[in-house]
Structures are given as C-alpha cells and as structure tokens.
C-alpha cells in the first residue's frame, strides 16, 4: 500500500503544479485584460464621425523681415541673374517653350523690382533692357517650334552682359532711392 500512496502523492503534486500554473495564467490574463490600453486596442471603434472641429481664422498680414533698400536691390539682382542664367541654360538644353517663358517672366519680374528701387535716370536706362527682354519673351512665345533658339540665346546673352555691366550694385549704389 505504501506504493499506492506514493503514486497518489506524486499525482497530487502534479495536479497541484498544474493548478498553480493555471491560476498564474488566469491572473496574468486578468491583469492584462484590465489594462486600459489593451482593452482600447481590441474594442471596435464607433462608425459615427466625430464632429469636425471648427477652425478659427484670424487674418494677419505678414510683414516679412525688414530689409534695407540695398539688401532688396541685391536680392532682386541675384534673383534676376539666376533666372536669366536658367533661361540661357534652357536655350542650351533644348527645354520646353513653357520653361523658357517661365524663366523670362521671372527674370522680368525681378528687373521690375530692381527698377522700383532706382532713381528716375537709372529707371529710364533699365527700361531699355526691360523692353528688349519683353520683346524677346514675346518672340519666344510666338516661336512655337523653337527654330530661332540660337538667335534668342545670343540676344539674351547680350541683355545679360549689358545689365551686369551697368546695374551691378557697385555701379548703382548712389542711385538708389
């Protein structure tokens, strides 16, 4: 009989270990299911849309950084120069007419900005080059097939050279308004 009691004791020990393991798993599950983040992760979201938040728009006028006339002129000059260079690259690289017109338009826009900072005599001198540039832009626009791109390139280089010679900052610093 002692043999049977030993086996029963072993069986009870195994059952006890199983019960303890089962209880610990149940405790672990109950603690994780009680966790709010875990519950939130596995619950269905409502299909109703939340009411959109109302936007409050209060218009404000942005007044950019205060720049001196000298700084503005230098900035317009650099922008004009880069757009003009981009136009010359567009002629050399066989770019689309739209690209050429965009470059010419941006260069003209910056020349007009430069013009607004100059005195009357210098404005009249710059107007000559603005007219030439506007004529060039009109010709580019009318030339659908780009057959005269070499001629336009030469004209654009001449305009660029003349503006660089006559309207660099060192040449006009005394003519700013």
Foldseek 3Di string as FASTA:
>chain_A
DVVVVVVVVVVVVVVVVVVVVVVVVVVVVVVQCPDPVSVVVPDDDDPDDDDDDDDDDDDDDDDPDDDDLLVLLQVLVVQLVVLLVQLLVCLVVVHALVSNLVSLVSNLVSLVSNLVFFDDVVNVVSVVLSVLSVVLSVVSVVCNPCPCSVVSSVSSVVSSVVCVVQPDCVNCVVGTD
